[in-house]
Amino acid sequence: MTLGVKESQRRRHLGNRVLRECLELVVAHVPCDVATLHVKSDNLGALRFYERYGFIVDPDGFCKDHYLIEGVLYDAYRLTYSLLPPQSLSLLSFLPRCTVV
């Protein structure tokens, strides 16, 4: 699936709505923990959009020549998004770790 918004229709939150609906459908109907997607490495607007939504760039997710568009190869980044509910952190996780001698 490709998600894109025509330039003249941007800034109307259409991408937000579509992405939210897609993620809600996946959570409701597909047993998985993580959503992944690819973004052309030169598409800074899309990278910022997904990062604002909570996607993170996979450290091993650089994909050389991932896309072939009109005869031109483009690199991409793989981004991931956790579909699990946020885990509450224990107060103990904030305390410094001590070594018992």
C-alpha atoms as a PDB file:
ATOM      1  CA  MET A   1       0.000   0.000   0.000  1.00  0.00           C
ATOM      2  CA  THR A   2       1.217   3.504  -0.724  1.00  0.00           C
ATOM      3  CA  LEU A   3       0.075   6.460   1.343  1.00  0.00           C
ATOM      4  CA  GLY A   4       0.384   9.885  -0.196  1.00  0.00           C
ATOM      5  CA  VAL A   5      -1.546  13.139  -0.238  1.00  0.00           C
ATOM      6  CA  LYS A   6      -1.680  15.325  -3.303  1.00  0.00           C
ATOM      7  CA  GLU A   7       0.300  18.504  -2.669  1.00  0.00           C
ATOM      8  CA  SER A   8      -2.758  20.754  -3.118  1.00  0.00           C
ATOM      9  CA  GLN A   9      -4.609  18.742  -0.428  1.00  0.00           C
ATOM     10  CA  ARG A  10      -1.878  18.725   2.229  1.00  0.00           C
ATOM     11  CA  ARG A  11      -2.217  20.430   5.624  1.00  0.00           C
ATOM     12  CA  ARG A  12      -5.812  19.153   5.948  1.00  0.00           C
ATOM     13  CA  HIS A  13      -4.888  16.228   8.228  1.00  0.00           C
ATOM     14  CA  LEU A  14      -5.901  13.689   5.569  1.00  0.00           C
ATOM     15  CA  GLY A  15      -2.709  11.672   6.030  1.00  0.00           C
ATOM     16  CA  ASN A  16      -3.237  11.642   9.797  1.00  0.00           C
ATOM     17  CA  ARG A  17      -6.768  10.293   9.399  1.00  0.00           C
ATOM     18  CA  VAL A  18      -5.787   7.590   6.921  1.00  0.00           C
ATOM     19  CA  LEU A  19      -2.791   6.460   8.970  1.00  0.00           C
ATOM     20  CA  ARG A  20      -4.825   6.385  12.192  1.00  0.00           C
ATOM     21  CA  GLU A  21      -7.594   4.343  10.508  1.00  0.00           C
ATOM     22  CA  CYS A  22      -5.065   1.886   9.043  1.00  0.00           C
ATOM     23  CA  LEU A  23      -3.351   1.356  12.390  1.00  0.00           C
ATOM     24  CA  GLU A  24      -6.686   0.949  14.192  1.00  0.00           C
ATOM     25  CA  LEU A  25      -7.798  -1.666  11.640  1.00  0.00           C
ATOM     26  CA  VAL A  26      -4.524  -3.555  11.986  1.00  0.00           C
ATOM     27  CA  VAL A  27      -4.762  -3.574  15.796  1.00  0.00           C
ATOM     28  CA  ALA A  28      -8.387  -4.756  15.642  1.00  0.00           C
ATOM     29  CA  HIS A  29      -7.944  -7.499  13.045  1.00  0.00           C
ATOM     30  CA  VAL A  30      -4.315  -8.635  12.801  1.00  0.00           C
ATOM     31  CA  PRO A  31      -2.361 -10.306  15.606  1.00  0.00           C
ATOM     32  CA  CYS A  32       0.911  -8.381  15.414  1.00  0.00           C
ATOM     33  CA  ASP A  33       3.037  -6.225  17.691  1.00  0.00           C
ATOM     34  CA  VAL A  34       4.769  -3.893  15.234  1.00  0.00           C
ATOM     35  CA  ALA A  35       3.855  -2.018  12.071  1.00  0.00           C
ATOM     36  CA  THR A  36       6.634  -1.312   9.590  1.00  0.00           C
ATOM     37  CA  LEU A  37       6.841   0.856   6.505  1.00  0.00           C
ATOM     38  CA  HIS A  38       9.396   2.224   4.076  1.00  0.00           C
ATOM     39  CA  VAL A  39      10.007   5.849   3.140  1.00  0.00           C
ATOM     40  CA  LYS A  40      12.265   7.174   0.415  1.00  0.00           C
ATOM     41  CA  SER A  41      15.381   8.486   2.127  1.00  0.00           C
ATOM     42  CA  ASP A  42      15.076  11.881   0.427  1.00  0.00           C
ATOM     43  CA  ASN A  43      11.436  12.398   1.493  1.00  0.00           C
ATOM     44  CA  LEU A  44      12.085  14.507   4.592  1.00  0.00           C
ATOM     45  CA  GLY A  45       8.452  15.595   4.866  1.00  0.00           C
ATOM     46  CA  ALA A  46       7.255  11.995   5.072  1.00  0.00           C
ATOM     47  CA  LEU A  47      10.001  11.077   7.543  1.00  0.00           C
ATOM     48  CA  ARG A  48       8.979  13.970   9.818  1.00  0.00           C
ATOM     49  CA  PHE A  49       5.284  13.043   9.443  1.00  0.00           C
ATOM     50  CA  TYR A  50       5.857   9.455  10.569  1.00  0.00           C
ATOM     51  CA  GLU A  51       8.238  10.442  13.364  1.00  0.00           C
ATOM     52  CA  ARG A  52       5.633  12.877  14.721  1.00  0.00           C
ATOM     53  CA  TYR A  53       3.194   9.974  14.737  1.00  0.00           C
ATOM     54  CA  GLY A  54       5.597   7.840  16.793  1.00  0.00           C
ATOM     55  CA  PHE A  55       7.376   5.776  14.153  1.00  0.00           C
ATOM     56  CA  ILE A  56      11.107   5.334  14.657  1.00  0.00           C
ATOM     57  CA  VAL A  57      13.806   4.603  12.112  1.00  0.00           C
ATOM     58  CA  ASP A  58      14.937   0.997  12.421  1.00  0.00           C
ATOM     59  CA  PRO A  59      18.712   1.074  13.149  1.00  0.00           C
ATOM     60  CA  ASP A  60      19.197  -1.719  10.592  1.00  0.00           C
ATOM     61  CA  GLY A  61      16.581  -0.268   8.262  1.00  0.00           C
ATOM     62  CA  PHE A  62      18.557   1.477   5.536  1.00  0.00           C
ATOM     63  CA  CYS A  63      17.513  -0.104   2.234  1.00  0.00           C
ATOM     64  CA  LYS A  64      19.813   0.677  -0.685  1.00  0.00           C
ATOM     65  CA  ASP A  65      17.994   0.930  -4.061  1.00  0.00           C
ATOM     66  CA  HIS A  66      14.688  -0.102  -2.458  1.00  0.00           C
ATOM     67  CA  TYR A  67      12.404   1.708  -4.898  1.00  0.00           C
ATOM     68  CA  LEU A  68      12.494   1.740  -8.691  1.00  0.00           C
ATOM     69  CA  ILE A  69      10.396   4.675  -9.900  1.00  0.00           C
ATOM     70  CA  GLU A  70      10.337   5.560 -13.587  1.00  0.00           C
ATOM     71  CA  GLY A  71      13.690   3.878 -14.117  1.00  0.00           C
ATOM     72  CA  VAL A  72      15.410   5.586 -11.163  1.00  0.00           C
ATOM     73  CA  LEU A  73      16.532   3.728  -8.025  1.00  0.00           C
ATOM     74  CA  TYR A  74      15.901   5.324  -4.633  1.00  0.00           C
ATOM     75  CA  ASP A  75      17.159   4.400  -1.169  1.00  0.00           C
ATOM     76  CA  ALA A  76      14.687   4.043   1.682  1.00  0.00           C
ATOM     77  CA  TYR A  77      14.470   3.838   5.442  1.00  0.00           C
ATOM     78  CA  ARG A  78      12.408   1.232   7.270  1.00  0.00           C
ATOM     79  CA  LEU A  79      10.389   2.720  10.124  1.00  0.00           C
ATOM     80  CA  THR A  80       8.660   0.815  12.905  1.00  0.00           C
ATOM     81  CA  TYR A  81       5.710   1.567  15.172  1.00  0.00           C
ATOM     82  CA  SER A  82       4.797  -0.448  18.263  1.00  0.00           C
ATOM     83  CA  LEU A  83       1.179  -1.620  18.286  1.00  0.00           C
ATOM     84  CA  LEU A  84       1.416  -2.756  21.896  1.00  0.00           C
ATOM     85  CA  PRO A  85      -0.148  -0.606  24.602  1.00  0.00           C
ATOM     86  CA  PRO A  86       2.410   1.502  26.476  1.00  0.00           C
ATOM     87  CA  GLN A  87       3.850  -0.341  29.432  1.00  0.00           C
ATOM     88  CA  SER A  88       3.737   1.414  32.755  1.00  0.00           C
ATOM     89  CA  LEU A  89       7.205   1.764  34.197  1.00  0.00           C
ATOM     90  CA  SER A  90       7.939   0.639  37.694  1.00  0.00           C
ATOM     91  CA  LEU A  91       9.326   3.256  40.047  1.00  0.00           C
ATOM     92  CA  LEU A  92      12.279   0.897  40.533  1.00  0.00           C
ATOM     93  CA  SER A  93      13.267   1.325  36.890  1.00  0.00           C
ATOM     94  CA  PHE A  94      14.154   4.965  37.646  1.00  0.00           C
ATOM     95  CA  LEU A  95      16.425   4.178  40.590  1.00  0.00           C
ATOM     96  CA  PRO A  96      20.165   3.883  39.989  1.00  0.00           C
ATOM     97  CA  ARG A  97      21.419   0.334  39.775  1.00  0.00           C
ATOM     98  CA  CYS A  98      23.539  -0.717  42.741  1.00  0.00           C
ATOM     99  CA  THR A  99      26.062  -3.463  43.009  1.00  0.00           C
ATOM    100  CA  VAL A 100      26.117  -5.475  46.205  1.00  0.00           C
ATOM    101  CA  VAL A 101      29.637  -6.392  47.256  1.00  0.00           C
END
